[in-house]
Amino acid sequence: MKRRNPDWGYPRIAAQISLAFGVTLDKDVVRRVLSRHYRPIPGGNGPSWLTFLGQMKDSL
């Protein structure tokens, strides 16, 4: 769910799971699971900060 909607935070994901499956789920549980298992895909949304800063340094 986080990979499909990277701008969603853990409270919204917990609410969506509760809505879809009808179980109450604490947002802190989702936070702990995401912190342990979710790693953003490298190069997924444009240049990295290091590349961006290097290009800005060169343009000055």
PDB file of N, CA and C in Angstrom:
ATOM      1  N   MET A   1       0.834  -1.184   0.000  1.00  0.00           N
ATOM      2  CA  MET A   1       0.000   0.000   0.000  1.00  0.00           C
ATOM      3  C   MET A   1       0.884   1.255   0.000  1.00  0.00           C
ATOM      4  N   LYS A   2       1.965   1.215   0.750  1.00  0.00           N
ATOM      5  CA  LYS A   2       2.857   2.376   0.829  1.00  0.00           C
ATOM      6  C   LYS A   2       3.592   2.585  -0.497  1.00  0.00           C
ATOM      7  N   ARG A   3       3.935   1.508  -1.187  1.00  0.00           N
ATOM      8  CA  ARG A   3       4.619   1.652  -2.476  1.00  0.00           C
ATOM      9  C   ARG A   3       3.691   2.238  -3.538  1.00  0.00           C
ATOM     10  N   ARG A   4       2.419   1.898  -3.485  1.00  0.00           N
ATOM     11  CA  ARG A   4       1.466   2.453  -4.459  1.00  0.00           C
ATOM     12  C   ARG A   4       1.097   3.894  -4.139  1.00  0.00           C
ATOM     13  N   ASN A   5       1.134   4.258  -2.871  1.00  0.00           N
ATOM     14  CA  ASN A   5       0.776   5.600  -2.419  1.00  0.00           C
ATOM     15  C   ASN A   5       1.875   6.130  -1.506  1.00  0.00           C
ATOM     16  N   PRO A   6       3.013   6.540  -2.055  1.00  0.00           N
ATOM     17  CA  PRO A   6       4.145   6.914  -1.208  1.00  0.00           C
ATOM     18  C   PRO A   6       3.902   8.143  -0.345  1.00  0.00           C
ATOM     19  N   ASP A   7       2.918   8.960  -0.686  1.00  0.00           N
ATOM     20  CA  ASP A   7       2.665  10.156   0.112  1.00  0.00           C
ATOM     21  C   ASP A   7       1.705   9.892   1.280  1.00  0.00           C
ATOM     22  N   TRP A   8       1.198   8.675   1.407  1.00  0.00           N
ATOM     23  CA  TRP A   8       0.338   8.334   2.531  1.00  0.00           C
ATOM     24  C   TRP A   8       1.197   8.078   3.758  1.00  0.00           C
ATOM     25  N   GLY A   9       0.752   8.550   4.896  1.00  0.00           N
ATOM     26  CA  GLY A   9       1.438   8.287   6.153  1.00  0.00           C
ATOM     27  C   GLY A   9       0.810   7.103   6.861  1.00  0.00           C
ATOM     28  N   TYR A  10       1.389   6.756   7.995  1.00  0.00           N
ATOM     29  CA  TYR A  10       0.887   5.580   8.712  1.00  0.00           C
ATOM     30  C   TYR A  10      -0.517   5.756   9.277  1.00  0.00           C
ATOM     31  N   PRO A  11      -0.976   6.975   9.681  1.00  0.00           N
ATOM     32  CA  PRO A  11      -2.365   7.068  10.142  1.00  0.00           C
ATOM     33  C   PRO A  11      -3.372   6.765   9.028  1.00  0.00           C
ATOM     34  N   ARG A  12      -3.082   7.244   7.834  1.00  0.00           N
ATOM     35  CA  ARG A  12      -4.011   6.995   6.728  1.00  0.00           C
ATOM     36  C   ARG A  12      -4.010   5.526   6.324  1.00  0.00           C
ATOM     37  N   ILE A  13      -2.849   4.900   6.318  1.00  0.00           N
ATOM     38  CA  ILE A  13      -2.774   3.476   5.976  1.00  0.00           C
ATOM     39  C   ILE A  13      -3.542   2.657   7.008  1.00  0.00           C
ATOM     40  N   ALA A  14      -3.390   2.997   8.293  1.00  0.00           N
ATOM     41  CA  ALA A  14      -4.133   2.288   9.343  1.00  0.00           C
ATOM     42  C   ALA A  14      -5.634   2.465   9.149  1.00  0.00           C
ATOM     43  N   ALA A  15      -6.065   3.665   8.786  1.00  0.00           N
ATOM     44  CA  ALA A  15      -7.495   3.909   8.560  1.00  0.00           C
ATOM     45  C   ALA A  15      -8.006   3.130   7.356  1.00  0.00           C
ATOM     46  N   GLN A  16      -7.223   3.056   6.298  1.00  0.00           N
ATOM     47  CA  GLN A  16      -7.638   2.321   5.102  1.00  0.00           C
ATOM     48  C   GLN A  16      -7.735   0.819   5.378  1.00  0.00           C
ATOM     49  N   ILE A  17      -6.791   0.278   6.136  1.00  0.00           N
ATOM     50  CA  ILE A  17      -6.847  -1.142   6.486  1.00  0.00           C
ATOM     51  C   ILE A  17      -8.059  -1.416   7.367  1.00  0.00           C
ATOM     52  N   SER A  18      -8.321  -0.539   8.317  1.00  0.00           N
ATOM     53  CA  SER A  18      -9.494  -0.712   9.182  1.00  0.00           C
ATOM     54  C   SER A  18     -10.791  -0.640   8.383  1.00  0.00           C
ATOM     55  N   LEU A  19     -10.833   0.277   7.424  1.00  0.00           N
ATOM     56  CA  LEU A  19     -12.024   0.416   6.588  1.00  0.00           C
ATOM     57  C   LEU A  19     -12.222  -0.802   5.691  1.00  0.00           C
ATOM     58  N   ALA A  20     -11.137  -1.295   5.101  1.00  0.00           N
ATOM     59  CA  ALA A  20     -11.247  -2.401   4.149  1.00  0.00           C
ATOM     60  C   ALA A  20     -11.551  -3.729   4.830  1.00  0.00           C
ATOM     61  N   PHE A  21     -10.928  -3.988   5.978  1.00  0.00           N
ATOM     62  CA  PHE A  21     -11.054  -5.296   6.603  1.00  0.00           C
ATOM     63  C   PHE A  21     -11.942  -5.310   7.836  1.00  0.00           C
ATOM     64  N   GLY A  22     -12.341  -4.146   8.310  1.00  0.00           N
ATOM     65  CA  GLY A  22     -13.243  -4.083   9.448  1.00  0.00           C
ATOM     66  C   GLY A  22     -12.611  -4.440  10.783  1.00  0.00           C
ATOM     67  N   VAL A  23     -11.306  -4.289  10.885  1.00  0.00           N
ATOM     68  CA  VAL A  23     -10.612  -4.543  12.150  1.00  0.00           C
ATOM     69  C   VAL A  23      -9.980  -3.247  12.618  1.00  0.00           C
ATOM     70  N   THR A  24      -9.946  -3.054  13.930  1.00  0.00           N
ATOM     71  CA  THR A  24      -9.289  -1.863  14.446  1.00  0.00           C
ATOM     72  C   THR A  24      -7.786  -2.123  14.480  1.00  0.00           C
ATOM     73  N   LEU A  25      -7.052  -1.174  13.952  1.00  0.00           N
ATOM     74  CA  LEU A  25      -5.605  -1.303  13.863  1.00  0.00           C
ATOM     75  C   LEU A  25      -4.981  -0.009  14.351  1.00  0.00           C
ATOM     76  N   ASP A  26      -4.107  -0.125  15.323  1.00  0.00           N
ATOM     77  CA  ASP A  26      -3.457   1.050  15.875  1.00  0.00           C
ATOM     78  C   ASP A  26      -2.449   1.602  14.870  1.00  0.00           C
ATOM     79  N   LYS A  27      -2.421   2.915  14.749  1.00  0.00           N
ATOM     80  CA  LYS A  27      -1.506   3.547  13.804  1.00  0.00           C
ATOM     81  C   LYS A  27      -0.049   3.314  14.159  1.00  0.00           C
ATOM     82  N   ASP A  28       0.236   3.108  15.433  1.00  0.00           N
ATOM     83  CA  ASP A  28       1.612   2.856  15.851  1.00  0.00           C
ATOM     84  C   ASP A  28       2.108   1.484  15.392  1.00  0.00           C
ATOM     85  N   VAL A  29       1.193   0.534  15.255  1.00  0.00           N
ATOM     86  CA  VAL A  29       1.570  -0.774  14.718  1.00  0.00           C
ATOM     87  C   VAL A  29       1.994  -0.609  13.261  1.00  0.00           C
ATOM     88  N   VAL A  30       1.231   0.160  12.506  1.00  0.00           N
ATOM     89  CA  VAL A  30       1.581   0.409  11.103  1.00  0.00           C
ATOM     90  C   VAL A  30       2.918   1.141  11.023  1.00  0.00           C
ATOM     91  N   ARG A  31       3.154   2.094  11.903  1.00  0.00           N
ATOM     92  CA  ARG A  31       4.413   2.835  11.925  1.00  0.00           C
ATOM     93  C   ARG A  31       5.593   1.907  12.160  1.00  0.00           C
ATOM     94  N   ARG A  32       5.445   0.983  13.119  1.00  0.00           N
ATOM     95  CA  ARG A  32       6.541   0.051  13.416  1.00  0.00           C
ATOM     96  C   ARG A  32       6.797  -0.896  12.255  1.00  0.00           C
ATOM     97  N   VAL A  33       5.727  -1.378  11.611  1.00  0.00           N
ATOM     98  CA  VAL A  33       5.893  -2.279  10.468  1.00  0.00           C
ATOM     99  C   VAL A  33       6.572  -1.547   9.302  1.00  0.00           C
ATOM    100  N   LEU A  34       6.144  -0.317   9.038  1.00  0.00           N
ATOM    101  CA  LEU A  34       6.756   0.444   7.951  1.00  0.00           C
ATOM    102  C   LEU A  34       8.216   0.761   8.242  1.00  0.00           C
ATOM    103  N   SER A  35       8.533   1.087   9.475  1.00  0.00           N
ATOM    104  CA  SER A  35       9.919   1.424   9.795  1.00  0.00           C
ATOM    105  C   SER A  35      10.830   0.210   9.652  1.00  0.00           C
ATOM    106  N   ARG A  36      10.305  -0.966   9.860  1.00  0.00           N
ATOM    107  CA  ARG A  36      11.128  -2.167   9.758  1.00  0.00           C
ATOM    108  C   ARG A  36      11.188  -2.728   8.345  1.00  0.00           C
ATOM    109  N   HIS A  37      10.090  -2.652   7.577  1.00  0.00           N
ATOM    110  CA  HIS A  37      10.018  -3.373   6.308  1.00  0.00           C
ATOM    111  C   HIS A  37       9.959  -2.501   5.064  1.00  0.00           C
ATOM    112  N   TYR A  38       9.635  -1.232   5.174  1.00  0.00           N
ATOM    113  CA  TYR A  38       9.483  -0.400   3.976  1.00  0.00           C
ATOM    114  C   TYR A  38      10.761   0.364   3.694  1.00  0.00           C
ATOM    115  N   ARG A  39      11.288   0.200   2.515  1.00  0.00           N
ATOM    116  CA  ARG A  39      12.415   0.982   2.029  1.00  0.00           C
ATOM    117  C   ARG A  39      12.022   1.543   0.671  1.00  0.00           C
ATOM    118  N   PRO A  40      12.076   2.861   0.498  1.00  0.00           N
ATOM    119  CA  PRO A  40      11.724   3.438  -0.798  1.00  0.00           C
ATOM    120  C   PRO A  40      12.630   2.912  -1.907  1.00  0.00           C
ATOM    121  N   ILE A  41      12.074   2.810  -3.092  1.00  0.00           N
ATOM    122  CA  ILE A  41      12.830   2.347  -4.247  1.00  0.00           C
ATOM    123  C   ILE A  41      13.810   3.439  -4.655  1.00  0.00           C
ATOM    124  N   PRO A  42      15.103   3.128  -4.741  1.00  0.00           N
ATOM    125  CA  PRO A  42      16.063   4.162  -5.144  1.00  0.00           C
ATOM    126  C   PRO A  42      15.802   4.630  -6.567  1.00  0.00           C
ATOM    127  N   GLY A  43      15.889   5.921  -6.782  1.00  0.00           N
ATOM    128  CA  GLY A  43      15.682   6.470  -8.112  1.00  0.00           C
ATOM    129  C   GLY A  43      14.238   6.466  -8.561  1.00  0.00           C
ATOM    130  N   GLY A  44      13.312   6.357  -7.626  1.00  0.00           N
ATOM    131  CA  GLY A  44      11.909   6.256  -7.990  1.00  0.00           C
ATOM    132  C   GLY A  44      11.274   7.575  -8.391  1.00  0.00           C
ATOM    133  N   ASN A  45      11.688   8.684  -7.792  1.00  0.00           N
ATOM    134  CA  ASN A  45      11.010   9.957  -8.045  1.00  0.00           C
ATOM    135  C   ASN A  45      11.988  11.073  -8.377  1.00  0.00           C
ATOM    136  N   GLY A  46      12.826  10.886  -9.347  1.00  0.00           N
ATOM    137  CA  GLY A  46      13.727  11.951  -9.748  1.00  0.00           C
ATOM    138  C   GLY A  46      15.112  11.804  -9.151  1.00  0.00           C
ATOM    139  N   PRO A  47      15.900  12.860  -9.269  1.00  0.00           N
ATOM    140  CA  PRO A  47      17.284  12.767  -8.817  1.00  0.00           C
ATOM    141  C   PRO A  47      17.391  12.737  -7.287  1.00  0.00           C
ATOM    142  N   SER A  48      18.484  12.165  -6.814  1.00  0.00           N
ATOM    143  CA  SER A  48      18.719  12.157  -5.374  1.00  0.00           C
ATOM    144  C   SER A  48      19.153  13.549  -4.938  1.00  0.00           C
ATOM    145  N   TRP A  49      19.142  13.759  -3.623  1.00  0.00           N
ATOM    146  CA  TRP A  49      19.580  15.060  -3.104  1.00  0.00           C
ATOM    147  C   TRP A  49      21.033  15.320  -3.449  1.00  0.00           C
ATOM    148  N   LEU A  50      21.860  14.282  -3.428  1.00  0.00           N
ATOM    149  CA  LEU A  50      23.271  14.451  -3.741  1.00  0.00           C
ATOM    150  C   LEU A  50      23.461  14.904  -5.190  1.00  0.00           C
ATOM    151  N   THR A  51      22.728  14.309  -6.111  1.00  0.00           N
ATOM    152  CA  THR A  51      22.796  14.705  -7.516  1.00  0.00           C
ATOM    153  C   THR A  51      22.283  16.122  -7.699  1.00  0.00           C
ATOM    154  N   PHE A  52      21.178  16.434  -7.061  1.00  0.00           N
ATOM    155  CA  PHE A  52      20.592  17.770  -7.169  1.00  0.00           C
ATOM    156  C   PHE A  52      21.558  18.837  -6.662  1.00  0.00           C
ATOM    157  N   LEU A  53      22.148  18.596  -5.487  1.00  0.00           N
ATOM    158  CA  LEU A  53      23.079  19.582  -4.922  1.00  0.00           C
ATOM    159  C   LEU A  53      24.331  19.720  -5.787  1.00  0.00           C
ATOM    160  N   GLY A  54      24.813  18.624  -6.353  1.00  0.00           N
ATOM    161  CA  GLY A  54      25.966  18.677  -7.230  1.00  0.00           C
ATOM    162  C   GLY A  54      25.680  19.504  -8.476  1.00  0.00           C
ATOM    163  N   GLN A  55      24.492  19.350  -9.046  1.00  0.00           N
ATOM    164  CA  GLN A  55      24.123  20.126 -10.230  1.00  0.00           C
ATOM    165  C   GLN A  55      23.963  21.605  -9.885  1.00  0.00           C
ATOM    166  N   MET A  56      23.394  21.910  -8.730  1.00  0.00           N
ATOM    167  CA  MET A  56      23.231  23.309  -8.334  1.00  0.00           C
ATOM    168  C   MET A  56      24.582  23.962  -8.061  1.00  0.00           C
ATOM    169  N   LYS A  57      25.499  23.207  -7.477  1.00  0.00           N
ATOM    170  CA  LYS A  57      26.837  23.727  -7.212  1.00  0.00           C
ATOM    171  C   LYS A  57      27.546  24.059  -8.519  1.00  0.00           C
ATOM    172  N   ASP A  58      27.389  23.186  -9.511  1.00  0.00           N
ATOM    173  CA  ASP A  58      28.023  23.412 -10.798  1.00  0.00           C
ATOM    174  C   ASP A  58      27.408  24.602 -11.547  1.00  0.00           C
ATOM    175  N   SER A  59      26.142  24.871 -11.299  1.00  0.00           N
ATOM    176  CA  SER A  59      25.488  25.957 -12.036  1.00  0.00           C
ATOM    177  C   SER A  59      25.758  27.335 -11.431  1.00  0.00           C
ATOM    178  N   LEU A  60      26.312  27.389 -10.233  1.00  0.00           N
ATOM    179  CA  LEU A  60      26.569  28.682  -9.603  1.00  0.00           C
ATOM    180  C   LEU A  60      27.806  29.319 -10.096  1.00  0.00           C
TER     181      LEU A  60
END
